[in-house]
Amino acid sequence: MEYKYIIYEKEGNIARLTLNKPEKLNAFSFLGGEDSDEIHGAIADAAEDDDIKVLIIKGAGRAFCVGHDLSKVGFVYGMGTGQAGEKRPSQRIRLWTDKKGFHDQFLKILLHPKITIAQVHGYAIAGGLYLAMLCDFIVAAEDSQIGLTEQRLGFAGSGAPIGNLIMTVGMKRAMDLLLTGRIIDGKEAARIGLVTKAVPPDKLEEEVNALAKALALLPRDGIAIGKATRHLIYDSLGLIGDFIPVYYSHAFFTNLRWEPDEYSFFKERRDKGTKAGFKERDKRYEGLV
């Protein structure tokens, strides 16, 4: 299959999915669109390919993935630019779109039948970090910049797989990352258990390849049985059901009402453009966290 936004390669029992929008730091629409369809199509191909035992997800250029493409956020629901007289998108469209994106597609990564490794370098932000978190392993460069800055848009600890994050790093650390949206490096991410290990940037590829080759020594049926067993455990822990409040709360957030003294990305994007809009979001936090 020809891909425009990703690179999908196979080498023996190992598949590599490379996010390939380096000019946008691998920002993807995720909730729908050609770029999102390519990611999930390749993930499904790896799941159905009996030759594949391990799937590596990585990013081209300077970043793993900076999350959602903010130039498209909201428009996927049919949202306008906030001008007078524009029709607001319905709740049913918001809920259905977010269910397809978060519940149906992202859940397939957590429940993927092959062993999954996220190879993180540069930025792993927001949806990019969630993509990595759903993998079995995260190997990160020590100087990676990792955070949930999308929470500063106003989510305040919603619209994301919160249960997965709490289970991974604990309640207090999860709240720190969510409610401040602060950026941490790969070393701190490894220290708090958010990533499996942090390695020098020039060793990242080597470390991931060695890990993948070691994991590929496991038998196919063993991998399948292990995955199926963990699916049952994830369900008992509530990590699968965690995706239902994800799409509920994300859809509700898109209908948020901002008071005059509060930051609204949609208004800032309309008046100043995407880049200036999100820079204004983070500027407010300087010197605080």
Protein backbone atom coordinates (compact mmCIF):
# COMPACT_ATOMS: atom_id res chain seq x y z
CA MET A 1 0.00 0.00 0.00
CA GLU A 2 1.18 3.52 -0.82
CA TYR A 3 1.32 5.85 2.17
CA LYS A 4 1.51 9.64 2.20
CA TYR A 5 1.82 10.42 5.91
CA ILE A 6 3.54 7.37 7.36
CA ILE A 7 6.24 4.85 6.47
CA TYR A 8 5.44 1.18 7.10
CA GLU A 9 8.27 -1.34 6.84
CA LYS A 10 8.81 -4.98 7.78
CA GLU A 11 12.05 -6.75 8.61
CA GLY A 12 11.59 -10.39 9.53
CA ASN A 13 9.26 -10.57 12.54
CA ILE A 14 9.46 -6.83 13.25
CA ALA A 15 7.31 -4.07 11.73
CA ARG A 16 8.11 -0.36 11.97
CA LEU A 17 5.49 2.36 11.65
CA THR A 18 7.10 5.78 11.25
CA LEU A 19 4.92 8.89 11.58
CA ASN A 20 6.10 10.96 8.63
CA LYS A 21 4.90 14.56 8.88
CA PRO A 22 8.21 16.05 10.08
CA GLU A 23 7.30 19.54 8.89
CA LYS A 24 4.47 19.49 11.49
CA LEU A 25 6.46 17.60 14.14
CA ASN A 26 4.19 14.65 13.33
CA ALA A 27 0.97 16.34 14.42
CA PHE A 28 -1.93 14.21 13.22
CA SER A 29 -5.69 14.70 13.11
CA PHE A 30 -6.26 11.40 15.02
CA LEU A 31 -10.06 11.83 15.16
CA GLY A 32 -10.51 11.41 11.43
CA GLY A 33 -8.85 12.24 8.16
CA GLU A 34 -6.48 10.65 5.69
CA ASP A 35 -3.44 10.91 7.97
CA SER A 36 -5.23 9.27 10.90
CA ASP A 37 -6.62 6.55 8.66
CA GLU A 38 -3.10 5.66 7.52
CA ILE A 39 -1.85 5.22 11.10
CA HIS A 40 -4.71 2.98 12.13
CA GLY A 41 -4.64 1.11 8.82
CA ALA A 42 -0.98 0.18 9.32
CA ILE A 43 -1.62 -0.78 12.95
CA ALA A 44 -4.40 -3.09 11.75
CA ASP A 45 -2.14 -4.56 9.04
CA ALA A 46 0.47 -5.45 11.66
CA ALA A 47 -2.21 -7.04 13.83
CA GLU A 48 -3.36 -9.30 11.00
CA ASP A 49 0.10 -10.20 9.68
CA ASP A 50 1.05 -13.59 11.15
CA ASP A 51 4.73 -12.99 10.39
CA ILE A 52 4.88 -9.98 12.71
CA LYS A 53 5.65 -10.41 16.40
CA VAL A 54 6.72 -6.87 17.35
CA LEU A 55 5.50 -3.46 16.16
CA ILE A 56 7.69 -0.37 16.67
CA ILE A 57 6.06 3.07 16.43
CA LYS A 58 8.43 5.99 15.90
CA GLY A 59 8.54 9.47 14.38
CA ALA A 60 10.48 11.07 11.55
CA GLY A 61 12.34 14.35 11.97
CA ARG A 62 12.66 16.23 15.27
CA ALA A 63 9.78 14.67 17.16
CA PHE A 64 7.96 11.48 17.97
CA CYS A 65 4.56 13.21 17.83
CA VAL A 66 3.21 16.48 19.19
CA GLY A 67 -0.37 15.24 19.26
CA HIS A 68 -3.36 16.60 17.43
CA ASP A 69 -2.95 19.02 14.57
CA LEU A 70 -4.25 22.18 16.27
CA SER A 71 -5.04 23.78 12.93
CA LYS A 72 -7.76 21.14 12.49
CA VAL A 73 -8.99 20.74 16.07
CA GLY A 74 -12.73 21.35 16.28
CA PHE A 75 -13.27 21.48 12.53
CA VAL A 76 -13.56 17.69 12.44
CA TYR A 77 -16.96 18.12 14.13
CA GLY A 78 -18.08 20.71 11.61
CA MET A 79 -17.26 23.54 14.00
CA GLY A 80 -17.03 27.02 12.51
CA THR A 81 -14.60 29.76 13.39
CA GLY A 82 -16.79 31.40 16.01
CA GLN A 83 -18.32 34.03 13.79
CA ALA A 84 -21.85 35.23 14.45
CA GLY A 85 -24.57 33.14 12.83
CA GLU A 86 -22.54 29.94 12.45
CA LYS A 87 -24.28 26.71 13.35
CA ARG A 88 -22.83 24.85 16.32
CA PRO A 89 -22.00 21.16 15.75
CA SER A 90 -24.45 18.78 17.40
CA GLN A 91 -23.72 16.72 20.48
CA ARG A 92 -24.34 13.53 18.49
CA ILE A 93 -21.62 14.46 15.96
CA ARG A 94 -19.16 15.31 18.74
CA LEU A 95 -19.83 12.07 20.62
CA TRP A 96 -19.75 9.83 17.53
CA THR A 97 -16.54 11.39 16.22
CA ASP A 98 -14.76 11.04 19.56
CA LYS A 99 -16.02 7.49 20.05
CA LYS A 100 -14.58 6.47 16.68
CA GLY A 101 -11.28 8.16 17.38
CA PHE A 102 -10.60 7.50 21.05
CA HIS A 103 -12.64 4.45 21.98
CA ASP A 104 -12.60 2.43 18.77
CA GLN A 105 -9.17 3.32 17.33
CA PHE A 106 -6.93 4.15 20.30
CA LEU A 107 -8.24 1.12 22.21
CA LYS A 108 -6.95 -1.08 19.38
CA ILE A 109 -3.41 -0.02 20.26
CA LEU A 110 -3.79 -0.99 23.92
CA LEU A 111 -5.32 -4.32 22.84
CA HIS A 112 -3.00 -4.92 19.89
CA PRO A 113 -2.20 -8.64 19.54
CA LYS A 114 1.51 -8.02 18.88
CA ILE A 115 4.10 -6.61 21.28
CA THR A 116 4.28 -2.84 20.77
CA ILE A 117 7.19 -0.48 21.40
CA ALA A 118 7.08 3.32 21.21
CA GLN A 119 10.46 4.78 20.24
CA VAL A 120 10.31 8.34 21.58
CA HIS A 121 12.64 11.20 20.69
CA GLY A 122 12.19 14.95 20.60
CA TYR A 123 8.65 15.87 21.56
CA ALA A 124 5.99 13.42 22.76
CA ILE A 125 3.13 15.73 23.59
CA ALA A 126 -0.59 15.31 24.27
CA GLY A 127 -2.08 12.77 21.83
CA GLY A 128 1.45 11.78 20.86
CA LEU A 129 2.19 10.79 24.45
CA TYR A 130 -1.11 8.92 24.75
CA LEU A 131 -0.21 7.01 21.58
CA ALA A 132 3.07 5.97 23.22
CA MET A 133 1.43 5.18 26.58
CA LEU A 134 -0.85 2.62 24.96
CA CYS A 135 2.15 0.62 23.78
CA ASP A 136 3.66 -2.18 25.86
CA PHE A 137 7.04 -0.44 26.06
CA ILE A 138 8.24 3.14 25.76
CA VAL A 139 11.95 3.63 25.16
CA ALA A 140 12.75 7.35 25.21
CA ALA A 141 15.78 9.49 24.53
CA GLU A 142 17.01 11.13 27.73
CA ASP A 143 16.47 14.59 26.27
CA SER A 144 12.93 13.88 25.06
CA GLN A 145 10.35 16.54 25.92
CA ILE A 146 7.27 14.81 27.28
CA GLY A 147 4.04 16.33 28.54
CA LEU A 148 0.28 16.74 28.43
CA THR A 149 0.15 20.38 27.40
CA GLU A 150 -3.24 19.90 25.71
CA GLN A 151 -4.71 19.90 29.21
CA ARG A 152 -3.97 23.64 29.32
CA LEU A 153 -6.65 24.13 26.70
CA GLY A 154 -9.06 23.59 29.59
CA PHE A 155 -9.47 19.81 29.93
CA ALA A 156 -8.15 19.98 33.51
CA GLY A 157 -7.78 16.21 33.85
CA SER A 158 -10.33 14.97 31.32
CA GLY A 159 -10.55 13.95 27.66
CA ALA A 160 -7.71 11.43 28.05
CA PRO A 161 -7.06 7.87 29.32
CA ILE A 162 -6.69 9.08 32.91
CA GLY A 163 -7.02 5.62 34.43
CA ASN A 164 -4.10 4.37 32.37
CA LEU A 165 -1.97 7.32 33.48
CA ILE A 166 -2.87 6.88 37.16
CA MET A 167 -2.11 3.17 36.97
CA THR A 168 1.25 3.96 35.37
CA VAL A 169 2.61 6.79 37.54
CA GLY A 170 0.25 7.02 40.52
CA MET A 171 -2.49 9.47 41.44
CA LYS A 172 -0.40 12.45 42.58
CA ARG A 173 2.07 12.35 39.70
CA ALA A 174 -0.79 11.94 37.24
CA MET A 175 -2.49 15.02 38.65
CA ASP A 176 0.78 16.95 38.42
CA LEU A 177 1.18 16.12 34.73
CA LEU A 178 -2.48 16.70 33.92
CA LEU A 179 -3.31 19.86 35.85
CA THR A 180 -0.07 21.74 35.18
CA GLY A 181 0.61 20.47 31.65
CA ARG A 182 4.31 20.81 32.42
CA ILE A 183 7.02 19.28 30.24
CA ILE A 184 9.43 16.69 31.66
CA ASP A 185 12.46 15.11 30.03
CA GLY A 186 13.05 11.45 29.31
CA LYS A 187 15.10 10.95 32.46
CA GLU A 188 12.32 12.19 34.74
CA ALA A 189 9.77 10.20 32.74
CA ALA A 190 11.79 7.03 33.41
CA ARG A 191 12.20 7.92 37.09
CA ILE A 192 8.43 8.18 37.64
CA GLY A 193 7.67 5.11 35.52
CA LEU A 194 5.99 6.93 32.63
CA VAL A 195 8.44 5.35 30.18
CA THR A 196 10.14 1.97 30.37
CA LYS A 197 13.66 3.36 30.11
CA ALA A 198 15.55 6.46 28.99
CA VAL A 199 18.72 6.14 26.96
CA PRO A 200 21.24 8.54 25.39
CA PRO A 201 19.79 9.96 22.15
CA ASP A 202 22.52 8.41 19.99
CA LYS A 203 21.73 4.98 21.45
CA LEU A 204 17.94 5.11 21.03
CA GLU A 205 17.69 3.26 17.71
CA GLU A 206 20.17 0.62 18.85
CA GLU A 207 18.37 0.03 22.15
CA VAL A 208 14.94 -0.28 20.53
CA ASN A 209 16.18 -2.63 17.83
CA ALA A 210 17.89 -4.87 20.40
CA LEU A 211 14.74 -4.96 22.54
CA ALA A 212 12.56 -5.77 19.52
CA LYS A 213 14.86 -8.62 18.47
CA ALA A 214 14.82 -10.05 22.00
CA LEU A 215 11.02 -9.90 22.18
CA ALA A 216 10.72 -11.50 18.74
CA LEU A 217 12.40 -14.61 20.16
CA LEU A 218 9.12 -15.39 21.92
CA PRO A 219 6.79 -17.84 20.13
CA ARG A 220 3.79 -16.43 18.25
CA ASP A 221 1.29 -18.41 20.29
CA GLY A 222 3.02 -17.36 23.50
CA ILE A 223 2.73 -13.69 22.52
CA ALA A 224 -0.95 -14.18 21.63
CA ILE A 225 -1.77 -15.97 24.89
CA GLY A 226 0.13 -13.37 26.92
CA LYS A 227 -1.71 -10.54 25.19
CA ALA A 228 -5.11 -12.18 25.65
CA THR A 229 -4.36 -12.75 29.33
CA ARG A 230 -3.40 -9.11 29.83
CA HIS A 231 -6.58 -8.00 28.08
CA LEU A 232 -8.54 -9.79 30.80
CA ILE A 233 -6.39 -8.16 33.47
CA TYR A 234 -6.73 -4.70 31.88
CA ASP A 235 -10.49 -5.20 31.86
CA SER A 236 -10.55 -6.20 35.54
CA LEU A 237 -8.52 -3.08 36.36
CA GLY A 238 -10.90 -0.84 34.44
CA LEU A 239 -8.34 0.19 31.83
CA ILE A 240 -10.52 -0.85 28.90
CA GLY A 241 -13.62 0.85 30.28
CA ASP A 242 -11.40 3.92 30.83
CA PHE A 243 -11.91 4.77 27.16
CA ILE A 244 -15.64 5.38 27.59
CA PRO A 245 -15.19 8.48 29.82
CA VAL A 246 -12.35 9.52 27.50
CA TYR A 247 -14.63 10.13 24.55
CA TYR A 248 -17.49 11.42 26.72
CA SER A 249 -15.36 14.05 28.41
CA HIS A 250 -13.49 15.00 25.24
CA ALA A 251 -16.76 15.60 23.40
CA PHE A 252 -18.16 17.61 26.32
CA PHE A 253 -15.00 19.72 26.43
CA THR A 254 -15.49 20.81 22.81
CA ASN A 255 -18.72 22.44 23.95
CA LEU A 256 -17.11 24.26 26.89
CA ARG A 257 -18.14 27.82 27.74
CA TRP A 258 -15.25 30.12 28.61
CA GLU A 259 -15.78 33.10 30.87
CA PRO A 260 -14.36 36.50 29.81
CA ASP A 261 -11.25 36.13 32.00
CA GLU A 262 -10.43 32.61 30.74
CA TYR A 263 -8.28 31.41 27.85
CA SER A 264 -10.15 30.06 24.81
CA PHE A 265 -7.98 28.42 22.17
CA PHE A 266 -10.74 28.53 19.58
CA LYS A 267 -11.07 32.30 20.02
CA GLU A 268 -7.28 32.80 20.01
CA ARG A 269 -6.92 30.66 16.87
CA ARG A 270 -9.67 32.63 15.15
CA ASP A 271 -8.14 36.00 16.03
CA LYS A 272 -4.38 35.26 15.92
CA GLY A 273 -3.87 31.99 14.04
CA THR A 274 -2.94 28.50 15.21
CA LYS A 275 0.71 29.05 16.12
CA ALA A 276 0.16 32.29 18.01
CA GLY A 277 -2.91 30.79 19.66
CA PHE A 278 -1.17 27.88 21.32
CA LYS A 279 1.90 29.99 22.19
CA GLU A 280 -0.42 32.32 24.06
CA ARG A 281 -1.75 29.29 25.93
CA ASP A 282 1.69 28.31 27.26
CA LYS A 283 2.92 31.86 27.83
CA ARG A 284 0.52 32.20 30.75
CA TYR A 285 2.32 29.40 32.61
CA GLU A 286 5.84 30.85 32.38
CA GLY A 287 7.48 31.10 35.80
CA LEU A 288 4.69 29.15 37.49
CA VAL A 289 5.36 25.44 36.82
